Protein backbone atom coordinates (compact mmCIF):
# COMPACT_ATOMS: atom_id res chain seq x y z
CA UNK A 1 0.00 0.00 0.00
CA UNK A 2 1.55 3.29 -1.02
CA UNK A 3 1.19 6.58 0.80
CA UNK A 4 -1.18 7.69 -1.91
CA UNK A 5 -3.50 4.78 -1.14
CA UNK A 6 -4.03 5.82 2.48
CA UNK A 7 -6.30 8.84 1.85
CA UNK A 8 -8.32 6.74 -0.58
CA UNK A 9 -8.74 4.05 2.04
CA UNK A 10 -9.87 6.61 4.60
CA UNK A 11 -12.34 8.14 2.15
CA UNK A 12 -13.66 4.69 1.31
CA UNK A 13 -14.20 3.91 4.98
CA UNK A 14 -15.88 7.26 5.56
CA UNK A 15 -18.31 6.58 2.73
CA UNK A 16 -19.01 3.11 4.09
CA UNK A 17 -19.85 4.39 7.57
CA UNK A 18 -21.48 7.68 6.69
CA UNK A 19 -18.92 10.46 6.76
CA UNK A 20 -17.81 12.69 9.63
CA UNK A 21 -19.47 15.81 8.18
CA UNK A 22 -22.84 14.10 8.15
CA UNK A 23 -22.38 13.08 11.78
CA UNK A 24 -21.59 16.64 12.85
CA UNK A 25 -24.52 18.03 10.83
CA UNK A 26 -26.87 15.52 12.45
CA UNK A 27 -25.64 16.52 15.93
CA UNK A 28 -26.34 20.25 15.54
CA UNK A 29 -30.16 20.14 15.59
CA UNK A 30 -30.10 17.93 18.69
CA UNK A 31 -27.72 20.34 20.41
CA UNK A 32 -29.87 23.35 19.47
CA UNK A 33 -33.00 21.55 20.67
CA UNK A 34 -31.46 20.88 24.09
CA UNK A 35 -30.03 24.37 24.55
CA UNK A 36 -33.21 26.17 23.47
CA UNK A 37 -35.40 23.91 25.60
CA UNK A 38 -33.33 24.54 28.71
CA UNK A 39 -32.81 28.27 28.11
CA UNK A 40 -36.45 28.95 27.18
CA UNK A 41 -37.74 27.44 30.41
CA UNK A 42 -38.83 24.08 28.98
CA UNK A 43 -40.81 25.48 26.04
CA UNK A 44 -41.08 22.39 23.87
CA UNK A 45 -42.59 24.06 20.80
CA UNK A 46 -39.85 26.69 20.70
CA UNK A 47 -37.15 24.03 20.99
CA UNK A 48 -38.75 21.92 18.26
CA UNK A 49 -38.95 24.81 15.81
CA UNK A 50 -35.38 25.84 16.57
CA UNK A 51 -34.16 22.32 15.76
CA UNK A 52 -36.24 22.18 12.57
CA UNK A 53 -34.93 25.57 11.39
CA UNK A 54 -31.33 24.47 11.99
CA UNK A 55 -32.03 21.23 10.14
CA UNK A 56 -33.48 23.19 7.22
CA UNK A 57 -30.43 25.48 7.09
CA UNK A 58 -28.14 22.45 7.03
CA UNK A 59 -30.21 20.97 4.18
CA UNK A 60 -29.85 24.20 2.19
CA UNK A 61 -26.10 24.26 2.80
CA UNK A 62 -25.86 20.68 1.58
CA UNK A 63 -27.77 21.63 -1.56
CA UNK A 64 -25.36 24.51 -2.16
CA UNK A 65 -22.47 22.04 -1.78
CA UNK A 66 -24.19 19.99 -4.51
CA UNK A 67 -24.45 16.95 -2.28
CA UNK A 68 -26.86 14.24 -3.38
CA UNK A 69 -30.56 14.83 -2.81
CA UNK A 70 -30.65 11.51 -0.98
CA UNK A 71 -28.19 12.80 1.64
CA UNK A 72 -30.06 16.09 1.94
CA UNK A 73 -33.43 14.38 2.33
CA UNK A 74 -32.11 11.80 4.79
CA UNK A 75 -30.47 14.46 6.95
CA UNK A 76 -33.56 16.65 7.19
CA UNK A 77 -35.91 13.68 7.55
CA UNK A 78 -34.13 12.66 10.73
CA UNK A 79 -34.72 16.07 12.29
CA UNK A 80 -38.32 16.22 11.04
CA UNK A 81 -39.19 12.79 12.43
CA UNK A 82 -37.64 13.59 15.82
CA UNK A 83 -39.52 16.89 15.98
CA UNK A 84 -42.78 15.23 14.93
CA UNK A 85 -42.55 12.52 17.59
CA UNK A 86 -41.81 15.03 20.35
CA UNK A 87 -44.63 17.31 19.21
CA UNK A 88 -47.15 14.45 19.14
CA UNK A 89 -46.27 13.07 22.58
CA UNK A 90 -45.60 16.44 24.20
CA UNK A 91 -42.53 14.95 25.86
CA UNK A 92 -39.16 16.62 25.21
CA UNK A 93 -37.23 13.39 25.73
CA UNK A 94 -39.09 11.81 22.81
CA UNK A 95 -37.09 14.05 20.47
CA UNK A 96 -34.30 11.52 21.05
CA UNK A 97 -36.46 8.41 20.65
CA UNK A 98 -36.03 7.97 16.85
CA UNK A 99 -32.26 8.12 17.30
CA UNK A 100 -32.40 5.37 19.92
CA UNK A 101 -34.49 3.19 17.62
CA UNK A 102 -32.04 3.76 14.76
CA UNK A 103 -29.16 2.73 17.00
CA UNK A 104 -31.03 -0.48 17.84
CA UNK A 105 -31.60 -1.27 14.15
CA UNK A 106 -27.98 -0.57 13.17
CA UNK A 107 -26.56 -2.42 16.15
CA UNK A 108 -28.70 -5.51 15.56
CA UNK A 109 -27.99 -5.52 11.82
CA UNK A 110 -24.24 -5.31 12.40
CA UNK A 111 -24.34 -7.97 15.10
CA UNK A 112 -26.34 -10.41 12.98
CA UNK A 113 -24.05 -9.80 10.00
CA UNK A 114 -21.00 -10.85 12.03
CA UNK A 115 -22.71 -13.88 13.51
CA UNK A 116 -23.75 -15.20 10.09
CA UNK A 117 -20.30 -14.59 8.61
CA UNK A 118 -21.13 -11.59 6.44
CA UNK A 119 -19.73 -8.60 8.39
CA UNK A 120 -21.44 -5.49 7.05
CA UNK A 121 -18.29 -3.35 6.98
CA UNK A 122 -16.82 -5.83 4.51
CA UNK A 123 -20.00 -6.01 2.45
CA UNK A 124 -20.26 -2.23 2.10
CA UNK A 125 -16.57 -1.60 1.41
CA UNK A 126 -16.58 -4.48 -1.07
CA UNK A 127 -19.41 -2.78 -2.93
CA UNK A 128 -17.61 0.58 -2.92
CA UNK A 129 -14.32 -0.86 -4.19
CA UNK A 130 -15.92 -3.07 -6.81
CA UNK A 131 -14.42 -6.16 -5.16
CA UNK A 132 -17.82 -7.49 -4.27
CA UNK A 133 -17.62 -10.42 -1.87
CA UNK A 134 -14.27 -11.77 -3.06
CA UNK A 135 -12.78 -10.78 0.31
CA UNK A 136 -14.61 -13.69 1.93
CA UNK A 137 -12.11 -16.11 0.35
CA UNK A 138 -9.25 -14.41 2.21
CA UNK A 139 -9.38 -15.43 5.92
CA UNK A 140 -7.19 -12.55 7.28
CA UNK A 141 -9.29 -9.94 5.43
CA UNK A 142 -12.52 -11.62 6.52
CA UNK A 143 -11.36 -11.58 10.15
CA UNK A 144 -10.35 -7.91 9.83
CA UNK A 145 -13.79 -6.98 8.50
CA UNK A 146 -15.40 -8.96 11.31
CA UNK A 147 -13.28 -7.14 13.90
CA UNK A 148 -14.16 -3.78 12.32
CA UNK A 149 -17.85 -4.64 12.39
CA UNK A 150 -17.58 -5.62 16.07
CA UNK A 151 -16.20 -2.14 16.76
CA UNK A 152 -19.40 -0.61 15.41
CA UNK A 153 -21.57 -3.10 17.26
CA UNK A 154 -19.80 -1.77 20.36
CA UNK A 155 -20.46 1.84 19.37
CA UNK A 156 -24.20 1.36 18.98
CA UNK A 157 -24.37 -0.89 22.02
CA UNK A 158 -22.55 1.66 24.17
CA UNK A 159 -24.86 4.44 23.04
CA UNK A 160 -27.89 2.36 23.98
CA UNK A 161 -26.40 1.27 27.31
CA UNK A 162 -25.92 4.91 28.32
CA UNK A 163 -28.84 6.69 26.65
CA UNK A 164 -31.71 4.23 27.14
CA UNK A 165 -31.57 4.41 30.96
CA UNK A 166 -31.44 8.22 30.75
CA UNK A 167 -34.39 8.24 28.36
CA UNK A 168 -36.43 5.96 30.65
CA UNK A 169 -35.47 8.13 33.62
CA UNK A 170 -36.72 11.23 31.80
CA UNK A 171 -39.81 9.36 30.62
CA UNK A 172 -40.66 8.55 34.24
CA UNK A 173 -41.09 12.26 34.89
CA UNK A 174 -37.59 13.22 36.00
CA UNK A 175 -37.12 16.47 34.09
CA UNK A 176 -33.53 16.73 35.33
CA UNK A 177 -32.66 13.72 33.15
CA UNK A 178 -33.18 15.60 29.88
CA UNK A 179 -29.91 17.52 30.17
CA UNK A 180 -27.76 14.40 30.69
CA UNK A 181 -29.66 12.64 27.90
CA UNK A 182 -29.03 15.46 25.44
CA UNK A 183 -25.38 15.74 26.44
CA UNK A 184 -24.91 11.99 26.09
CA UNK A 185 -26.52 12.13 22.63
CA UNK A 186 -24.05 14.80 21.50
CA UNK A 187 -20.96 13.39 23.23
CA UNK A 188 -21.63 9.91 21.84
CA UNK A 189 -22.35 11.28 18.37
CA UNK A 190 -19.49 12.54 16.21
CA UNK A 191 -16.72 12.34 18.88
CA UNK A 192 -17.36 8.62 19.39
CA UNK A 193 -17.86 8.19 15.65
CA UNK A 194 -14.46 9.73 14.84
CA UNK A 195 -12.73 7.54 17.43
CA UNK A 196 -14.42 4.40 16.14
CA UNK A 197 -13.65 5.33 12.51
CA UNK A 198 -9.96 5.79 13.36
CA UNK A 199 -9.76 2.48 15.23
CA UNK A 200 -11.58 0.76 12.36
CA UNK A 201 -9.10 2.18 9.87
CA UNK A 202 -6.16 0.97 11.97
CA UNK A 203 -7.70 -2.50 12.23
CA UNK A 204 -8.36 -2.79 8.50
CA UNK A 205 -5.19 -1.22 7.13
CA UNK A 206 -2.71 -4.13 7.69
CA UNK A 207 -4.99 -6.81 6.26
CA UNK A 208 -6.15 -4.72 3.29
CA UNK A 209 -2.59 -3.59 2.51
CA UNK A 210 -1.36 -7.19 2.46
CA UNK A 211 -4.35 -8.28 0.42
CA UNK A 212 -3.73 -5.54 -2.13
CA UNK A 213 -0.07 -6.47 -2.48
CA UNK A 214 -0.92 -10.16 -2.89
CA UNK A 215 -3.49 -9.32 -5.54
CA UNK A 216 -0.97 -7.15 -7.40
CA UNK A 217 1.66 -9.91 -7.25
CA UNK A 218 -0.82 -12.46 -8.57
CA UNK A 219 -1.75 -10.12 -11.42
CA UNK A 220 1.92 -9.57 -12.33
CA UNK A 221 2.61 -13.29 -12.23
CA UNK A 222 -0.38 -13.95 -14.45
CA UNK A 223 0.72 -11.27 -16.94
CA UNK A 224 4.26 -12.64 -16.97
CA UNK A 225 2.94 -16.12 -17.63
CA UNK A 226 0.72 -14.89 -20.43
CA UNK A 227 3.59 -12.98 -22.00
CA UNK A 228 5.80 -16.05 -22.08
CA UNK A 229 3.30 -18.10 -24.06
C-alpha atoms as a PDB file:
ATOM      1  CA  UNK A   1       0.000   0.000   0.000  1.00  0.00           C
ATOM      2  CA  UNK A   2       1.548   3.286  -1.023  1.00  0.00           C
ATOM      3  CA  UNK A   3       1.189   6.576   0.801  1.00  0.00           C
ATOM      4  CA  UNK A   4      -1.175   7.685  -1.912  1.00  0.00           C
ATOM      5  CA  UNK A   5      -3.500   4.782  -1.141  1.00  0.00           C
ATOM      6  CA  UNK A   6      -4.025   5.824   2.481  1.00  0.00           C
ATOM      7  CA  UNK A   7      -6.299   8.845   1.849  1.00  0.00           C
ATOM      8  CA  UNK A   8      -8.322   6.739  -0.583  1.00  0.00           C
ATOM      9  CA  UNK A   9      -8.736   4.049   2.036  1.00  0.00           C
ATOM     10  CA  UNK A  10      -9.872   6.607   4.595  1.00  0.00           C
ATOM     11  CA  UNK A  11     -12.338   8.137   2.146  1.00  0.00           C
ATOM     12  CA  UNK A  12     -13.655   4.692   1.314  1.00  0.00           C
ATOM     13  CA  UNK A  13     -14.198   3.908   4.983  1.00  0.00           C
ATOM     14  CA  UNK A  14     -15.879   7.262   5.564  1.00  0.00           C
ATOM     15  CA  UNK A  15     -18.311   6.578   2.727  1.00  0.00           C
ATOM     16  CA  UNK A  16     -19.007   3.107   4.090  1.00  0.00           C
ATOM     17  CA  UNK A  17     -19.853   4.386   7.574  1.00  0.00           C
ATOM     18  CA  UNK A  18     -21.482   7.682   6.692  1.00  0.00           C
ATOM     19  CA  UNK A  19     -18.922  10.462   6.761  1.00  0.00           C
ATOM     20  CA  UNK A  20     -17.813  12.690   9.628  1.00  0.00           C
ATOM     21  CA  UNK A  21     -19.468  15.808   8.183  1.00  0.00           C
ATOM     22  CA  UNK A  22     -22.843  14.095   8.153  1.00  0.00           C
ATOM     23  CA  UNK A  23     -22.383  13.075  11.779  1.00  0.00           C
ATOM     24  CA  UNK A  24     -21.595  16.644  12.846  1.00  0.00           C
ATOM     25  CA  UNK A  25     -24.521  18.026  10.832  1.00  0.00           C
ATOM     26  CA  UNK A  26     -26.868  15.519  12.448  1.00  0.00           C
ATOM     27  CA  UNK A  27     -25.644  16.522  15.928  1.00  0.00           C
ATOM     28  CA  UNK A  28     -26.336  20.249  15.538  1.00  0.00           C
ATOM     29  CA  UNK A  29     -30.158  20.139  15.586  1.00  0.00           C
ATOM     30  CA  UNK A  30     -30.100  17.933  18.694  1.00  0.00           C
ATOM     31  CA  UNK A  31     -27.721  20.344  20.411  1.00  0.00           C
ATOM     32  CA  UNK A  32     -29.872  23.345  19.467  1.00  0.00           C
ATOM     33  CA  UNK A  33     -32.997  21.549  20.668  1.00  0.00           C
ATOM     34  CA  UNK A  34     -31.461  20.878  24.090  1.00  0.00           C
ATOM     35  CA  UNK A  35     -30.029  24.369  24.553  1.00  0.00           C
ATOM     36  CA  UNK A  36     -33.205  26.169  23.467  1.00  0.00           C
ATOM     37  CA  UNK A  37     -35.401  23.912  25.602  1.00  0.00           C
ATOM     38  CA  UNK A  38     -33.327  24.537  28.714  1.00  0.00           C
ATOM     39  CA  UNK A  39     -32.806  28.273  28.106  1.00  0.00           C
ATOM     40  CA  UNK A  40     -36.450  28.949  27.184  1.00  0.00           C
ATOM     41  CA  UNK A  41     -37.737  27.441  30.410  1.00  0.00           C
ATOM     42  CA  UNK A  42     -38.825  24.076  28.978  1.00  0.00           C
ATOM     43  CA  UNK A  43     -40.806  25.478  26.039  1.00  0.00           C
ATOM     44  CA  UNK A  44     -41.082  22.391  23.875  1.00  0.00           C
ATOM     45  CA  UNK A  45     -42.595  24.056  20.796  1.00  0.00           C
ATOM     46  CA  UNK A  46     -39.855  26.690  20.701  1.00  0.00           C
ATOM     47  CA  UNK A  47     -37.152  24.027  20.986  1.00  0.00           C
ATOM     48  CA  UNK A  48     -38.746  21.916  18.263  1.00  0.00           C
ATOM     49  CA  UNK A  49     -38.954  24.814  15.807  1.00  0.00           C
ATOM     50  CA  UNK A  50     -35.378  25.838  16.570  1.00  0.00           C
ATOM     51  CA  UNK A  51     -34.162  22.317  15.755  1.00  0.00           C
ATOM     52  CA  UNK A  52     -36.241  22.175  12.568  1.00  0.00           C
ATOM     53  CA  UNK A  53     -34.931  25.565  11.391  1.00  0.00           C
ATOM     54  CA  UNK A  54     -31.329  24.471  11.991  1.00  0.00           C
ATOM     55  CA  UNK A  55     -32.029  21.227  10.142  1.00  0.00           C
ATOM     56  CA  UNK A  56     -33.483  23.186   7.218  1.00  0.00           C
ATOM     57  CA  UNK A  57     -30.435  25.477   7.092  1.00  0.00           C
ATOM     58  CA  UNK A  58     -28.136  22.445   7.034  1.00  0.00           C
ATOM     59  CA  UNK A  59     -30.215  20.969   4.184  1.00  0.00           C
ATOM     60  CA  UNK A  60     -29.853  24.198   2.195  1.00  0.00           C
ATOM     61  CA  UNK A  61     -26.097  24.263   2.805  1.00  0.00           C
ATOM     62  CA  UNK A  62     -25.858  20.680   1.576  1.00  0.00           C
ATOM     63  CA  UNK A  63     -27.769  21.626  -1.557  1.00  0.00           C
ATOM     64  CA  UNK A  64     -25.362  24.513  -2.157  1.00  0.00           C
ATOM     65  CA  UNK A  65     -22.474  22.036  -1.776  1.00  0.00           C
ATOM     66  CA  UNK A  66     -24.194  19.988  -4.509  1.00  0.00           C
ATOM     67  CA  UNK A  67     -24.451  16.951  -2.279  1.00  0.00           C
ATOM     68  CA  UNK A  68     -26.862  14.237  -3.381  1.00  0.00           C
ATOM     69  CA  UNK A  69     -30.564  14.830  -2.811  1.00  0.00           C
ATOM     70  CA  UNK A  70     -30.649  11.512  -0.978  1.00  0.00           C
ATOM     71  CA  UNK A  71     -28.188  12.800   1.639  1.00  0.00           C
ATOM     72  CA  UNK A  72     -30.064  16.087   1.943  1.00  0.00           C
ATOM     73  CA  UNK A  73     -33.433  14.376   2.326  1.00  0.00           C
ATOM     74  CA  UNK A  74     -32.114  11.802   4.785  1.00  0.00           C
ATOM     75  CA  UNK A  75     -30.474  14.464   6.951  1.00  0.00           C
ATOM     76  CA  UNK A  76     -33.555  16.654   7.193  1.00  0.00           C
ATOM     77  CA  UNK A  77     -35.910  13.681   7.547  1.00  0.00           C
ATOM     78  CA  UNK A  78     -34.128  12.657  10.735  1.00  0.00           C
ATOM     79  CA  UNK A  79     -34.722  16.074  12.289  1.00  0.00           C
ATOM     80  CA  UNK A  80     -38.319  16.222  11.043  1.00  0.00           C
ATOM     81  CA  UNK A  81     -39.186  12.790  12.435  1.00  0.00           C
ATOM     82  CA  UNK A  82     -37.644  13.594  15.820  1.00  0.00           C
ATOM     83  CA  UNK A  83     -39.520  16.886  15.978  1.00  0.00           C
ATOM     84  CA  UNK A  84     -42.782  15.230  14.928  1.00  0.00           C
ATOM     85  CA  UNK A  85     -42.550  12.517  17.591  1.00  0.00           C
ATOM     86  CA  UNK A  86     -41.813  15.032  20.351  1.00  0.00           C
ATOM     87  CA  UNK A  87     -44.627  17.314  19.205  1.00  0.00           C
ATOM     88  CA  UNK A  88     -47.145  14.451  19.135  1.00  0.00           C
ATOM     89  CA  UNK A  89     -46.273  13.067  22.576  1.00  0.00           C
ATOM     90  CA  UNK A  90     -45.599  16.440  24.203  1.00  0.00           C
ATOM     91  CA  UNK A  91     -42.526  14.951  25.864  1.00  0.00           C
ATOM     92  CA  UNK A  92     -39.162  16.620  25.207  1.00  0.00           C
ATOM     93  CA  UNK A  93     -37.225  13.385  25.729  1.00  0.00           C
ATOM     94  CA  UNK A  94     -39.089  11.815  22.806  1.00  0.00           C
ATOM     95  CA  UNK A  95     -37.094  14.045  20.472  1.00  0.00           C
ATOM     96  CA  UNK A  96     -34.296  11.523  21.048  1.00  0.00           C
ATOM     97  CA  UNK A  97     -36.459   8.410  20.649  1.00  0.00           C
ATOM     98  CA  UNK A  98     -36.033   7.973  16.852  1.00  0.00           C
ATOM     99  CA  UNK A  99     -32.261   8.124  17.301  1.00  0.00           C
ATOM    100  CA  UNK A 100     -32.396   5.373  19.919  1.00  0.00           C
ATOM    101  CA  UNK A 101     -34.487   3.194  17.618  1.00  0.00           C
ATOM    102  CA  UNK A 102     -32.039   3.761  14.756  1.00  0.00           C
ATOM    103  CA  UNK A 103     -29.157   2.728  17.002  1.00  0.00           C
ATOM    104  CA  UNK A 104     -31.030  -0.477  17.840  1.00  0.00           C
ATOM    105  CA  UNK A 105     -31.599  -1.270  14.152  1.00  0.00           C
ATOM    106  CA  UNK A 106     -27.978  -0.570  13.170  1.00  0.00           C
ATOM    107  CA  UNK A 107     -26.564  -2.419  16.146  1.00  0.00           C
ATOM    108  CA  UNK A 108     -28.700  -5.508  15.563  1.00  0.00           C
ATOM    109  CA  UNK A 109     -27.988  -5.522  11.818  1.00  0.00           C
ATOM    110  CA  UNK A 110     -24.237  -5.310  12.402  1.00  0.00           C
ATOM    111  CA  UNK A 111     -24.342  -7.972  15.104  1.00  0.00           C
ATOM    112  CA  UNK A 112     -26.336 -10.411  12.984  1.00  0.00           C
ATOM    113  CA  UNK A 113     -24.046  -9.803   9.996  1.00  0.00           C
ATOM    114  CA  UNK A 114     -21.000 -10.855  12.028  1.00  0.00           C
ATOM    115  CA  UNK A 115     -22.708 -13.879  13.514  1.00  0.00           C
ATOM    116  CA  UNK A 116     -23.754 -15.205  10.087  1.00  0.00           C
ATOM    117  CA  UNK A 117     -20.299 -14.594   8.607  1.00  0.00           C
ATOM    118  CA  UNK A 118     -21.129 -11.587   6.438  1.00  0.00           C
ATOM    119  CA  UNK A 119     -19.734  -8.596   8.386  1.00  0.00           C
ATOM    120  CA  UNK A 120     -21.442  -5.485   7.046  1.00  0.00           C
ATOM    121  CA  UNK A 121     -18.294  -3.350   6.977  1.00  0.00           C
ATOM    122  CA  UNK A 122     -16.816  -5.834   4.509  1.00  0.00           C
ATOM    123  CA  UNK A 123     -20.002  -6.015   2.454  1.00  0.00           C
ATOM    124  CA  UNK A 124     -20.265  -2.232   2.099  1.00  0.00           C
ATOM    125  CA  UNK A 125     -16.571  -1.597   1.406  1.00  0.00           C
ATOM    126  CA  UNK A 126     -16.576  -4.476  -1.074  1.00  0.00           C
ATOM    127  CA  UNK A 127     -19.415  -2.779  -2.929  1.00  0.00           C
ATOM    128  CA  UNK A 128     -17.607   0.582  -2.916  1.00  0.00           C
ATOM    129  CA  UNK A 129     -14.323  -0.861  -4.186  1.00  0.00           C
ATOM    130  CA  UNK A 130     -15.918  -3.075  -6.807  1.00  0.00           C
ATOM    131  CA  UNK A 131     -14.415  -6.159  -5.156  1.00  0.00           C
ATOM    132  CA  UNK A 132     -17.825  -7.490  -4.272  1.00  0.00           C
ATOM    133  CA  UNK A 133     -17.620 -10.415  -1.874  1.00  0.00           C
ATOM    134  CA  UNK A 134     -14.270 -11.770  -3.062  1.00  0.00           C
ATOM    135  CA  UNK A 135     -12.776 -10.782   0.310  1.00  0.00           C
ATOM    136  CA  UNK A 136     -14.614 -13.694   1.930  1.00  0.00           C
ATOM    137  CA  UNK A 137     -12.111 -16.110   0.347  1.00  0.00           C
ATOM    138  CA  UNK A 138      -9.252 -14.408   2.212  1.00  0.00           C
ATOM    139  CA  UNK A 139      -9.380 -15.427   5.925  1.00  0.00           C
ATOM    140  CA  UNK A 140      -7.193 -12.551   7.276  1.00  0.00           C
ATOM    141  CA  UNK A 141      -9.287  -9.943   5.434  1.00  0.00           C
ATOM    142  CA  UNK A 142     -12.521 -11.621   6.516  1.00  0.00           C
ATOM    143  CA  UNK A 143     -11.359 -11.576  10.146  1.00  0.00           C
ATOM    144  CA  UNK A 144     -10.352  -7.911   9.834  1.00  0.00           C
ATOM    145  CA  UNK A 145     -13.789  -6.979   8.500  1.00  0.00           C
ATOM    146  CA  UNK A 146     -15.400  -8.963  11.306  1.00  0.00           C
ATOM    147  CA  UNK A 147     -13.276  -7.143  13.898  1.00  0.00           C
ATOM    148  CA  UNK A 148     -14.155  -3.784  12.317  1.00  0.00           C
ATOM    149  CA  UNK A 149     -17.845  -4.643  12.390  1.00  0.00           C
ATOM    150  CA  UNK A 150     -17.581  -5.622  16.069  1.00  0.00           C
ATOM    151  CA  UNK A 151     -16.202  -2.144  16.757  1.00  0.00           C
ATOM    152  CA  UNK A 152     -19.402  -0.613  15.408  1.00  0.00           C
ATOM    153  CA  UNK A 153     -21.565  -3.105  17.261  1.00  0.00           C
ATOM    154  CA  UNK A 154     -19.804  -1.771  20.360  1.00  0.00           C
ATOM    155  CA  UNK A 155     -20.458   1.843  19.367  1.00  0.00           C
ATOM    156  CA  UNK A 156     -24.202   1.363  18.980  1.00  0.00           C
ATOM    157  CA  UNK A 157     -24.366  -0.894  22.016  1.00  0.00           C
ATOM    158  CA  UNK A 158     -22.555   1.657  24.171  1.00  0.00           C
ATOM    159  CA  UNK A 159     -24.860   4.443  23.038  1.00  0.00           C
ATOM    160  CA  UNK A 160     -27.888   2.360  23.980  1.00  0.00           C
ATOM    161  CA  UNK A 161     -26.401   1.274  27.309  1.00  0.00           C
ATOM    162  CA  UNK A 162     -25.925   4.915  28.323  1.00  0.00           C
ATOM    163  CA  UNK A 163     -28.842   6.693  26.651  1.00  0.00           C
ATOM    164  CA  UNK A 164     -31.712   4.234  27.139  1.00  0.00           C
ATOM    165  CA  UNK A 165     -31.573   4.412  30.961  1.00  0.00           C
ATOM    166  CA  UNK A 166     -31.439   8.221  30.750  1.00  0.00           C
ATOM    167  CA  UNK A 167     -34.392   8.236  28.365  1.00  0.00           C
ATOM    168  CA  UNK A 168     -36.428   5.964  30.648  1.00  0.00           C
ATOM    169  CA  UNK A 169     -35.475   8.130  33.625  1.00  0.00           C
ATOM    170  CA  UNK A 170     -36.722  11.234  31.799  1.00  0.00           C
ATOM    171  CA  UNK A 171     -39.810   9.357  30.622  1.00  0.00           C
ATOM    172  CA  UNK A 172     -40.660   8.547  34.242  1.00  0.00           C
ATOM    173  CA  UNK A 173     -41.089  12.262  34.887  1.00  0.00           C
ATOM    174  CA  UNK A 174     -37.591  13.220  36.004  1.00  0.00           C
ATOM    175  CA  UNK A 175     -37.121  16.471  34.094  1.00  0.00           C
ATOM    176  CA  UNK A 176     -33.530  16.725  35.327  1.00  0.00           C
ATOM    177  CA  UNK A 177     -32.662  13.719  33.152  1.00  0.00           C
ATOM    178  CA  UNK A 178     -33.180  15.595  29.880  1.00  0.00           C
ATOM    179  CA  UNK A 179     -29.910  17.521  30.167  1.00  0.00           C
ATOM    180  CA  UNK A 180     -27.756  14.403  30.687  1.00  0.00           C
ATOM    181  CA  UNK A 181     -29.658  12.638  27.899  1.00  0.00           C
ATOM    182  CA  UNK A 182     -29.025  15.463  25.443  1.00  0.00           C
ATOM    183  CA  UNK A 183     -25.378  15.744  26.444  1.00  0.00           C
ATOM    184  CA  UNK A 184     -24.910  11.988  26.087  1.00  0.00           C
ATOM    185  CA  UNK A 185     -26.524  12.134  22.632  1.00  0.00           C
ATOM    186  CA  UNK A 186     -24.053  14.801  21.499  1.00  0.00           C
ATOM    187  CA  UNK A 187     -20.961  13.386  23.229  1.00  0.00           C
ATOM    188  CA  UNK A 188     -21.631   9.914  21.837  1.00  0.00           C
ATOM    189  CA  UNK A 189     -22.350  11.277  18.372  1.00  0.00           C
ATOM    190  CA  UNK A 190     -19.493  12.540  16.213  1.00  0.00           C
ATOM    191  CA  UNK A 191     -16.718  12.341  18.877  1.00  0.00           C
ATOM    192  CA  UNK A 192     -17.363   8.617  19.393  1.00  0.00           C
ATOM    193  CA  UNK A 193     -17.860   8.191  15.654  1.00  0.00           C
ATOM    194  CA  UNK A 194     -14.461   9.729  14.835  1.00  0.00           C
ATOM    195  CA  UNK A 195     -12.734   7.544  17.430  1.00  0.00           C
ATOM    196  CA  UNK A 196     -14.419   4.396  16.138  1.00  0.00           C
ATOM    197  CA  UNK A 197     -13.650   5.326  12.511  1.00  0.00           C
ATOM    198  CA  UNK A 198      -9.960   5.794  13.355  1.00  0.00           C
ATOM    199  CA  UNK A 199      -9.757   2.485  15.227  1.00  0.00           C
ATOM    200  CA  UNK A 200     -11.575   0.763  12.362  1.00  0.00           C
ATOM    201  CA  UNK A 201      -9.096   2.175   9.874  1.00  0.00           C
ATOM    202  CA  UNK A 202      -6.163   0.967  11.967  1.00  0.00           C
ATOM    203  CA  UNK A 203      -7.702  -2.504  12.227  1.00  0.00           C
ATOM    204  CA  UNK A 204      -8.355  -2.791   8.496  1.00  0.00           C
ATOM    205  CA  UNK A 205      -5.185  -1.218   7.130  1.00  0.00           C
ATOM    206  CA  UNK A 206      -2.712  -4.129   7.686  1.00  0.00           C
ATOM    207  CA  UNK A 207      -4.995  -6.810   6.256  1.00  0.00           C
ATOM    208  CA  UNK A 208      -6.148  -4.715   3.290  1.00  0.00           C
ATOM    209  CA  UNK A 209      -2.589  -3.585   2.509  1.00  0.00           C
ATOM    210  CA  UNK A 210      -1.359  -7.188   2.465  1.00  0.00           C
ATOM    211  CA  UNK A 211      -4.354  -8.283   0.419  1.00  0.00           C
ATOM    212  CA  UNK A 212      -3.734  -5.540  -2.133  1.00  0.00           C
ATOM    213  CA  UNK A 213      -0.066  -6.474  -2.484  1.00  0.00           C
ATOM    214  CA  UNK A 214      -0.919 -10.157  -2.886  1.00  0.00           C
ATOM    215  CA  UNK A 215      -3.492  -9.318  -5.544  1.00  0.00           C
ATOM    216  CA  UNK A 216      -0.971  -7.152  -7.400  1.00  0.00           C
ATOM    217  CA  UNK A 217       1.662  -9.910  -7.250  1.00  0.00           C
ATOM    218  CA  UNK A 218      -0.820 -12.463  -8.571  1.00  0.00           C
ATOM    219  CA  UNK A 219      -1.754 -10.123 -11.421  1.00  0.00           C
ATOM    220  CA  UNK A 220       1.922  -9.571 -12.333  1.00  0.00           C
ATOM    221  CA  UNK A 221       2.614 -13.289 -12.232  1.00  0.00           C
ATOM    222  CA  UNK A 222      -0.385 -13.952 -14.454  1.00  0.00           C
ATOM    223  CA  UNK A 223       0.716 -11.268 -16.938  1.00  0.00           C
ATOM    224  CA  UNK A 224       4.265 -12.644 -16.973  1.00  0.00           C
ATOM    225  CA  UNK A 225       2.940 -16.125 -17.635  1.00  0.00           C
ATOM    226  CA  UNK A 226       0.720 -14.885 -20.434  1.00  0.00           C
ATOM    227  CA  UNK A 227       3.595 -12.978 -22.003  1.00  0.00           C
ATOM    228  CA  UNK A 228       5.805 -16.050 -22.080  1.00  0.00           C
ATOM    229  CA  UNK A 229       3.305 -18.104 -24.058  1.00  0.00           C
END
